[in-house]
Amino acid sequence: MDTSERAVVKRVAQRQRRSVEEKRRIVEETLQPGASVARVARAHGVNANQVFAWRRRYRQGSLELRSSETPGLLAVRVVRAEAGRPKSTASQQRPSGMIQVKLPKGHLRLTGCVDAEALRVVLEKLLG
């Protein structure tokens, strides 16, 4: 009888980050007639559920290629309101809404009216 102890070594897979172009190529491969999402995912070493999520984003248009001219994060300069202009008291008293996102490296809080496209770009840069 063998009474020696054996060490069990688990290999932890590193999370692989894929470019938008690579995700699009994989998704477009699954959209070919007769293609199997599971087979395509396996061929690329991706979980099929992840590929289904990419397909959903692809259909929604949020898995789009970006031109190199698209700006990333932009510099912002805050300017005081001119003294001669009347201030709207309704908009000054409280913002119309707030979005708060908790990220591993910090928090993002947006108040007032937020441009959806700008928010998408910021979140992609932070999470990307």
Protein backbone atom coordinates (compact mmCIF):
# COMPACT_ATOMS: atom_id res chain seq x y z
CA MET A 1 0.00 0.00 0.00
CA ASP A 2 1.34 3.43 -1.01
CA THR A 3 1.10 5.88 1.89
CA SER A 4 3.17 8.68 0.38
CA GLU A 5 1.52 12.03 -0.08
CA ARG A 6 1.08 13.46 -3.50
CA ALA A 7 0.98 17.13 -4.20
CA VAL A 8 -1.87 18.26 -6.38
CA VAL A 9 -0.86 21.16 -8.56
CA LYS A 10 -3.60 23.23 -10.15
CA ARG A 11 -2.73 25.34 -13.10
CA VAL A 12 -4.44 28.67 -12.96
CA ALA A 13 -5.09 30.00 -16.42
CA GLN A 14 -4.11 33.59 -16.99
CA ARG A 15 -6.90 35.79 -18.25
CA GLN A 16 -6.22 36.50 -21.88
CA ARG A 17 -7.15 39.93 -23.16
CA ARG A 18 -8.27 39.92 -26.76
CA SER A 19 -8.37 42.92 -29.05
CA VAL A 20 -11.65 44.15 -30.50
CA GLU A 21 -10.43 43.04 -33.93
CA GLU A 22 -9.80 39.51 -32.68
CA LYS A 23 -13.20 39.34 -30.97
CA ARG A 24 -14.87 40.52 -34.19
CA ARG A 25 -13.01 37.89 -36.25
CA ILE A 26 -14.11 35.12 -33.88
CA VAL A 27 -17.73 36.37 -33.86
CA GLU A 28 -17.82 36.71 -37.65
CA GLU A 29 -16.51 33.16 -37.94
CA THR A 30 -19.48 31.95 -35.86
CA LEU A 31 -21.90 33.79 -38.16
CA GLN A 32 -20.87 31.73 -41.20
CA PRO A 33 -23.50 29.23 -42.42
CA GLY A 34 -23.15 25.90 -40.62
CA ALA A 35 -20.70 27.26 -38.04
CA SER A 36 -20.90 25.97 -34.47
CA VAL A 37 -20.21 28.53 -31.74
CA ALA A 38 -18.84 25.79 -29.48
CA ARG A 39 -16.41 24.54 -32.14
CA VAL A 40 -15.22 28.03 -33.07
CA ALA A 41 -14.78 28.94 -29.40
CA ARG A 42 -12.82 25.74 -28.73
CA ALA A 43 -10.61 26.35 -31.78
CA HIS A 44 -9.67 29.78 -30.39
CA GLY A 45 -9.38 28.69 -26.75
CA VAL A 46 -12.37 30.75 -25.64
CA ASN A 47 -15.36 29.73 -23.55
CA ALA A 48 -18.48 29.44 -25.72
CA ASN A 49 -20.45 31.62 -23.29
CA GLN A 50 -17.90 34.39 -23.81
CA VAL A 51 -18.32 34.11 -27.58
CA PHE A 52 -22.12 34.36 -27.17
CA ALA A 53 -21.60 37.55 -25.14
CA TRP A 54 -19.35 38.97 -27.89
CA ARG A 55 -22.01 38.06 -30.49
CA ARG A 56 -24.62 39.97 -28.48
CA ARG A 57 -22.32 43.03 -28.30
CA TYR A 58 -21.56 42.66 -32.03
CA ARG A 59 -25.28 42.75 -32.85
CA GLN A 60 -25.80 45.76 -30.59
CA GLY A 61 -22.98 47.59 -32.35
CA SER A 62 -20.79 47.94 -29.27
CA LEU A 63 -18.07 45.66 -30.65
CA GLU A 64 -16.97 48.09 -33.33
CA LEU A 65 -13.53 48.77 -34.74
CA ARG A 66 -12.14 52.13 -33.81
CA SER A 67 -10.16 54.29 -36.15
CA SER A 68 -6.80 55.51 -34.92
CA GLU A 69 -8.24 59.02 -35.12
CA THR A 70 -10.79 58.34 -32.38
CA PRO A 71 -9.65 60.24 -29.30
CA GLY A 72 -9.11 58.39 -26.05
CA LEU A 73 -9.52 60.29 -22.82
CA LEU A 74 -9.61 64.01 -23.44
CA ALA A 75 -8.19 66.82 -21.35
CA VAL A 76 -10.85 68.90 -19.61
CA ARG A 77 -10.69 72.50 -18.50
CA VAL A 78 -13.26 73.89 -16.06
CA VAL A 79 -14.25 77.50 -16.63
CA ARG A 80 -16.24 79.66 -14.22
CA ALA A 81 -19.61 80.95 -15.40
CA GLU A 82 -19.60 84.59 -16.49
CA ALA A 83 -20.90 87.02 -13.87
CA GLY A 84 -23.26 88.76 -16.33
CA ARG A 85 -25.17 85.60 -17.27
CA PRO A 86 -28.26 84.64 -15.32
CA LYS A 87 -27.91 81.27 -13.61
CA SER A 88 -30.65 78.70 -13.84
CA THR A 89 -31.54 77.92 -10.23
CA ALA A 90 -33.25 74.62 -11.08
CA SER A 91 -30.17 73.18 -12.77
CA GLN A 92 -27.82 74.63 -10.13
CA GLN A 93 -29.66 73.16 -7.13
CA ARG A 94 -29.36 69.47 -7.91
CA PRO A 95 -28.15 67.32 -10.79
CA SER A 96 -30.68 65.43 -12.86
CA GLY A 97 -29.07 62.08 -12.01
CA MET A 98 -25.98 60.26 -10.92
CA ILE A 99 -24.06 57.23 -12.16
CA GLN A 100 -21.52 55.67 -9.84
CA VAL A 101 -19.29 52.80 -10.98
CA LYS A 102 -17.05 50.93 -8.56
CA LEU A 103 -13.93 49.61 -10.26
CA PRO A 104 -11.06 47.54 -8.87
CA LYS A 105 -8.75 50.56 -9.00
CA GLY A 106 -11.18 53.27 -7.91
CA HIS A 107 -14.61 54.82 -8.36
CA LEU A 108 -16.18 56.76 -11.20
CA ARG A 109 -19.06 59.12 -10.36
CA LEU A 110 -20.93 61.11 -13.01
CA THR A 111 -23.62 63.60 -12.11
CA GLY A 112 -26.07 65.55 -14.21
CA CYS A 113 -26.88 64.79 -17.81
CA VAL A 114 -24.32 62.30 -19.18
CA ASP A 115 -23.60 61.75 -22.86
CA ALA A 116 -23.97 57.99 -23.45
CA GLU A 117 -21.22 57.86 -26.10
CA ALA A 118 -18.74 59.69 -23.84
CA LEU A 119 -19.57 57.33 -20.96
CA ARG A 120 -19.03 54.31 -23.22
CA VAL A 121 -15.60 55.57 -24.29
CA VAL A 122 -14.55 56.28 -20.69
CA LEU A 123 -15.69 52.87 -19.44
CA GLU A 124 -13.99 51.05 -22.31
CA LYS A 125 -10.73 52.83 -21.55
CA LEU A 126 -11.00 52.07 -17.83
CA LEU A 127 -12.05 48.44 -18.22
CA GLY A 128 -10.29 47.74 -21.48
